[in-house]
């Protein structure tokens, strides 16, 4: 595996307004390495391309990139990569009555996730970021 090339991106000094417009300062506060922002443990961090709509309730859309950290312990309301019957799948961790944790979809249009007794499921890692391309790069 090759080392990632560090690419610094200018971080503007004033926050970006997502409500009513405000005058923007025309200066750069610092340079920011996006990889350092989203990757806290490089040895255990991987990216997956998301396909499907089962996580839209958590803000993860079809075509997004999921940043997954294998060193984290999943907790309720985390999005995780679960290996279910050998296939990787993004699922939300929910807390059941009695305190047990379970996996489910995060899309109100989908029913609950029900695995049969023969199914095998394993948590592979915790999704720490999702990146949405708003203007995908040309192929």
C-alpha atoms as a PDB file:
ATOM      1  CA  UNK A   1       0.000   0.000   0.000  1.00  0.00           C
ATOM      2  CA  UNK A   2       1.454   3.358  -1.001  1.00  0.00           C
ATOM      3  CA  UNK A   3       1.575   6.396   1.263  1.00  0.00           C
ATOM      4  CA  UNK A   4      -1.018   9.086   0.686  1.00  0.00           C
ATOM      5  CA  UNK A   5       0.244  12.333  -0.768  1.00  0.00           C
ATOM      6  CA  UNK A   6      -0.557  15.239   1.537  1.00  0.00           C
ATOM      7  CA  UNK A   7      -2.672  17.890  -0.154  1.00  0.00           C
ATOM      8  CA  UNK A   8      -3.293  21.093   1.794  1.00  0.00           C
ATOM      9  CA  UNK A   9      -6.484  23.013   1.069  1.00  0.00           C
ATOM     10  CA  UNK A  10      -6.991  26.635   2.196  1.00  0.00           C
ATOM     11  CA  UNK A  11      -9.366  26.970   5.161  1.00  0.00           C
ATOM     12  CA  UNK A  12     -11.211  30.276   5.005  1.00  0.00           C
ATOM     13  CA  UNK A  13     -11.240  32.479   8.102  1.00  0.00           C
ATOM     14  CA  UNK A  14     -14.976  33.048   8.329  1.00  0.00           C
ATOM     15  CA  UNK A  15     -17.492  30.172   8.553  1.00  0.00           C
ATOM     16  CA  UNK A  16     -19.607  29.481   5.475  1.00  0.00           C
ATOM     17  CA  UNK A  17     -23.161  30.737   5.986  1.00  0.00           C
ATOM     18  CA  UNK A  18     -25.809  28.198   5.007  1.00  0.00           C
ATOM     19  CA  UNK A  19     -28.715  30.492   5.926  1.00  0.00           C
ATOM     20  CA  UNK A  20     -29.068  34.154   4.998  1.00  0.00           C
ATOM     21  CA  UNK A  21     -26.123  35.592   3.074  1.00  0.00           C
ATOM     22  CA  UNK A  22     -23.473  37.522   4.958  1.00  0.00           C
ATOM     23  CA  UNK A  23     -20.370  39.318   3.723  1.00  0.00           C
ATOM     24  CA  UNK A  24     -17.415  36.947   3.543  1.00  0.00           C
ATOM     25  CA  UNK A  25     -13.923  37.833   4.623  1.00  0.00           C
ATOM     26  CA  UNK A  26     -11.494  37.469   1.773  1.00  0.00           C
ATOM     27  CA  UNK A  27      -8.629  35.851   3.643  1.00  0.00           C
ATOM     28  CA  UNK A  28      -7.314  32.410   4.342  1.00  0.00           C
ATOM     29  CA  UNK A  29      -7.037  31.435   8.004  1.00  0.00           C
ATOM     30  CA  UNK A  30      -4.778  28.408   7.550  1.00  0.00           C
ATOM     31  CA  UNK A  31      -4.098  25.433   5.334  1.00  0.00           C
ATOM     32  CA  UNK A  32      -5.980  22.260   6.135  1.00  0.00           C
ATOM     33  CA  UNK A  33      -5.128  18.705   5.125  1.00  0.00           C
ATOM     34  CA  UNK A  34      -8.549  17.037   4.593  1.00  0.00           C
ATOM     35  CA  UNK A  35      -7.080  13.591   5.235  1.00  0.00           C
ATOM     36  CA  UNK A  36      -5.857  14.661   8.695  1.00  0.00           C
ATOM     37  CA  UNK A  37      -9.317  16.034   9.468  1.00  0.00           C
ATOM     38  CA  UNK A  38     -11.193  12.841   8.616  1.00  0.00           C
ATOM     39  CA  UNK A  39      -8.576  10.194   9.426  1.00  0.00           C
ATOM     40  CA  UNK A  40      -7.632   9.995  13.102  1.00  0.00           C
ATOM     41  CA  UNK A  41      -6.114   6.512  12.985  1.00  0.00           C
ATOM     42  CA  UNK A  42      -4.534   5.911   9.548  1.00  0.00           C
ATOM     43  CA  UNK A  43      -3.585   2.284  10.210  1.00  0.00           C
ATOM     44  CA  UNK A  44      -7.213   1.307  10.812  1.00  0.00           C
ATOM     45  CA  UNK A  45      -9.068   3.682   8.472  1.00  0.00           C
ATOM     46  CA  UNK A  46     -10.533   2.690   5.125  1.00  0.00           C
ATOM     47  CA  UNK A  47     -12.975   4.199   2.629  1.00  0.00           C
ATOM     48  CA  UNK A  48     -15.962   2.517   1.015  1.00  0.00           C
ATOM     49  CA  UNK A  49     -18.202   3.763  -1.792  1.00  0.00           C
ATOM     50  CA  UNK A  50     -21.859   3.665  -0.684  1.00  0.00           C
ATOM     51  CA  UNK A  51     -24.465   2.102  -2.972  1.00  0.00           C
ATOM     52  CA  UNK A  52     -28.130   2.264  -2.016  1.00  0.00           C
ATOM     53  CA  UNK A  53     -30.468   4.335   0.132  1.00  0.00           C
ATOM     54  CA  UNK A  54     -30.701   2.419   3.416  1.00  0.00           C
ATOM     55  CA  UNK A  55     -28.739   5.073   5.372  1.00  0.00           C
ATOM     56  CA  UNK A  56     -30.408   8.290   4.151  1.00  0.00           C
ATOM     57  CA  UNK A  57     -31.831   8.902   7.630  1.00  0.00           C
ATOM     58  CA  UNK A  58     -28.249   9.287   8.851  1.00  0.00           C
ATOM     59  CA  UNK A  59     -27.331  11.649   5.996  1.00  0.00           C
ATOM     60  CA  UNK A  60     -25.507   8.995   3.959  1.00  0.00           C
ATOM     61  CA  UNK A  61     -26.608   8.895   0.332  1.00  0.00           C
ATOM     62  CA  UNK A  62     -26.130   6.639  -2.661  1.00  0.00           C
ATOM     63  CA  UNK A  63     -22.746   7.535  -4.187  1.00  0.00           C
ATOM     64  CA  UNK A  64     -21.221   8.925  -0.984  1.00  0.00           C
ATOM     65  CA  UNK A  65     -17.867   7.786   0.363  1.00  0.00           C
ATOM     66  CA  UNK A  66     -17.856   6.330   3.879  1.00  0.00           C
ATOM     67  CA  UNK A  67     -14.739   6.724   6.036  1.00  0.00           C
ATOM     68  CA  UNK A  68     -14.548   3.690   8.314  1.00  0.00           C
ATOM     69  CA  UNK A  69     -12.348   3.240  11.391  1.00  0.00           C
ATOM     70  CA  UNK A  70     -11.835  -0.369  12.454  1.00  0.00           C
ATOM     71  CA  UNK A  71     -10.322   0.569  15.839  1.00  0.00           C
ATOM     72  CA  UNK A  72     -13.526   2.050  17.274  1.00  0.00           C
ATOM     73  CA  UNK A  73     -16.066   0.189  19.400  1.00  0.00           C
ATOM     74  CA  UNK A  74     -19.580   0.660  18.024  1.00  0.00           C
ATOM     75  CA  UNK A  75     -22.252   2.253  20.190  1.00  0.00           C
ATOM     76  CA  UNK A  76     -25.938   3.108  19.790  1.00  0.00           C
ATOM     77  CA  UNK A  77     -26.653   5.496  16.874  1.00  0.00           C
ATOM     78  CA  UNK A  78     -23.338   4.785  15.149  1.00  0.00           C
ATOM     79  CA  UNK A  79     -23.323   3.799  11.505  1.00  0.00           C
ATOM     80  CA  UNK A  80     -21.180   0.731  10.996  1.00  0.00           C
ATOM     81  CA  UNK A  81     -19.972  -1.512   8.240  1.00  0.00           C
ATOM     82  CA  UNK A  82     -21.390  -4.924   9.029  1.00  0.00           C
ATOM     83  CA  UNK A  83     -20.442  -8.061   7.184  1.00  0.00           C
ATOM     84  CA  UNK A  84     -23.733  -9.927   6.821  1.00  0.00           C
ATOM     85  CA  UNK A  85     -23.518 -13.379   5.254  1.00  0.00           C
ATOM     86  CA  UNK A  86     -20.171 -12.380   3.740  1.00  0.00           C
ATOM     87  CA  UNK A  87     -21.344  -9.078   2.203  1.00  0.00           C
ATOM     88  CA  UNK A  88     -20.369  -5.626   3.496  1.00  0.00           C
ATOM     89  CA  UNK A  89     -23.319  -3.408   4.351  1.00  0.00           C
ATOM     90  CA  UNK A  90     -23.817  -0.053   6.089  1.00  0.00           C
ATOM     91  CA  UNK A  91     -26.181  -0.332   9.051  1.00  0.00           C
ATOM     92  CA  UNK A  92     -27.235   1.794  12.007  1.00  0.00           C
ATOM     93  CA  UNK A  93     -26.626   0.493  15.523  1.00  0.00           C
ATOM     94  CA  UNK A  94     -29.783   0.720  17.626  1.00  0.00           C
ATOM     95  CA  UNK A  95     -30.435  -0.015  21.300  1.00  0.00           C
ATOM     96  CA  UNK A  96     -33.221  -2.503  21.956  1.00  0.00           C
ATOM     97  CA  UNK A  97     -35.339  -2.682  25.082  1.00  0.00           C
ATOM     98  CA  UNK A  98     -33.217  -4.309  27.712  1.00  0.00           C
ATOM     99  CA  UNK A  99     -30.080  -2.526  26.485  1.00  0.00           C
ATOM    100  CA  UNK A 100     -28.934  -4.939  23.757  1.00  0.00           C
ATOM    101  CA  UNK A 101     -27.509  -3.447  20.564  1.00  0.00           C
ATOM    102  CA  UNK A 102     -28.814  -4.461  17.147  1.00  0.00           C
ATOM    103  CA  UNK A 103     -28.420  -3.432  13.503  1.00  0.00           C
ATOM    104  CA  UNK A 104     -31.072  -1.695  11.413  1.00  0.00           C
ATOM    105  CA  UNK A 105     -31.659   0.459   8.358  1.00  0.00           C
ATOM    106  CA  UNK A 106     -31.818   4.255   8.611  1.00  0.00           C
ATOM    107  CA  UNK A 107     -34.523   4.801   6.018  1.00  0.00           C
ATOM    108  CA  UNK A 108     -38.146   5.251   7.112  1.00  0.00           C
ATOM    109  CA  UNK A 109     -39.311   3.641   3.847  1.00  0.00           C
ATOM    110  CA  UNK A 110     -37.654   0.353   4.817  1.00  0.00           C
ATOM    111  CA  UNK A 111     -38.941  -2.082   7.407  1.00  0.00           C
ATOM    112  CA  UNK A 112     -36.778  -3.371  10.255  1.00  0.00           C
ATOM    113  CA  UNK A 113     -33.726  -5.473   9.492  1.00  0.00           C
ATOM    114  CA  UNK A 114     -34.528  -9.086  10.303  1.00  0.00           C
ATOM    115  CA  UNK A 115     -31.803 -11.699  10.026  1.00  0.00           C
ATOM    116  CA  UNK A 116     -32.731 -15.352  10.007  1.00  0.00           C
ATOM    117  CA  UNK A 117     -31.084 -17.802  12.401  1.00  0.00           C
ATOM    118  CA  UNK A 118     -28.672 -19.028   9.720  1.00  0.00           C
ATOM    119  CA  UNK A 119     -27.331 -15.510   9.024  1.00  0.00           C
ATOM    120  CA  UNK A 120     -23.893 -14.479  10.194  1.00  0.00           C
ATOM    121  CA  UNK A 121     -23.203 -10.843  11.049  1.00  0.00           C
ATOM    122  CA  UNK A 122     -20.006  -9.151  12.215  1.00  0.00           C
ATOM    123  CA  UNK A 123     -19.185  -5.477  12.792  1.00  0.00           C
ATOM    124  CA  UNK A 124     -16.201  -4.598  10.588  1.00  0.00           C
ATOM    125  CA  UNK A 125     -15.789  -0.922  11.547  1.00  0.00           C
ATOM    126  CA  UNK A 126     -17.478   2.339  12.515  1.00  0.00           C
ATOM    127  CA  UNK A 127     -18.309   5.027   9.936  1.00  0.00           C
ATOM    128  CA  UNK A 128     -16.753   8.275  11.160  1.00  0.00           C
ATOM    129  CA  UNK A 129     -17.444  10.482   8.137  1.00  0.00           C
ATOM    130  CA  UNK A 130     -19.420  10.360   4.935  1.00  0.00           C
ATOM    131  CA  UNK A 131     -18.343  12.462   1.997  1.00  0.00           C
ATOM    132  CA  UNK A 132     -20.941  13.589  -0.524  1.00  0.00           C
ATOM    133  CA  UNK A 133     -19.709  14.534  -3.995  1.00  0.00           C
ATOM    134  CA  UNK A 134     -21.817  17.474  -5.142  1.00  0.00           C
ATOM    135  CA  UNK A 135     -20.095  17.639  -8.494  1.00  0.00           C
ATOM    136  CA  UNK A 136     -18.532  14.247  -9.180  1.00  0.00           C
ATOM    137  CA  UNK A 137     -15.152  14.246 -10.870  1.00  0.00           C
ATOM    138  CA  UNK A 138     -15.162  13.317 -14.563  1.00  0.00           C
ATOM    139  CA  UNK A 139     -14.233   9.711 -15.243  1.00  0.00           C
END
